[in-house]
């Protein structure tokens, strides 16, 4: 699940703007 952590962060960061 460690690989899904950065993935979720990137998606949320890109979905922010």
C-alpha atoms as a PDB file:
ATOM      1  CA  UNK A   1       0.000   0.000   0.000  1.00  0.00           C
ATOM      2  CA  UNK A   2       3.084   2.185   0.254  1.00  0.00           C
ATOM      3  CA  UNK A   3       2.982   2.638  -3.510  1.00  0.00           C
ATOM      4  CA  UNK A   4      -0.574   3.918  -3.350  1.00  0.00           C
ATOM      5  CA  UNK A   5       0.355   6.605  -0.841  1.00  0.00           C
ATOM      6  CA  UNK A   6       2.331   8.843  -3.253  1.00  0.00           C
ATOM      7  CA  UNK A   7      -0.134   8.072  -6.010  1.00  0.00           C
ATOM      8  CA  UNK A   8      -3.053   9.382  -3.986  1.00  0.00           C
ATOM      9  CA  UNK A   9      -1.060  12.457  -2.990  1.00  0.00           C
ATOM     10  CA  UNK A  10      -0.184  13.267  -6.599  1.00  0.00           C
ATOM     11  CA  UNK A  11      -3.774  12.769  -7.740  1.00  0.00           C
ATOM     12  CA  UNK A  12      -5.120  14.969  -4.954  1.00  0.00           C
ATOM     13  CA  UNK A  13      -2.449  17.586  -5.635  1.00  0.00           C
ATOM     14  CA  UNK A  14      -3.276  17.673  -9.337  1.00  0.00           C
ATOM     15  CA  UNK A  15      -7.007  17.605  -8.640  1.00  0.00           C
ATOM     16  CA  UNK A  16      -6.644  20.578  -6.263  1.00  0.00           C
ATOM     17  CA  UNK A  17      -6.202  23.200  -9.033  1.00  0.00           C
END
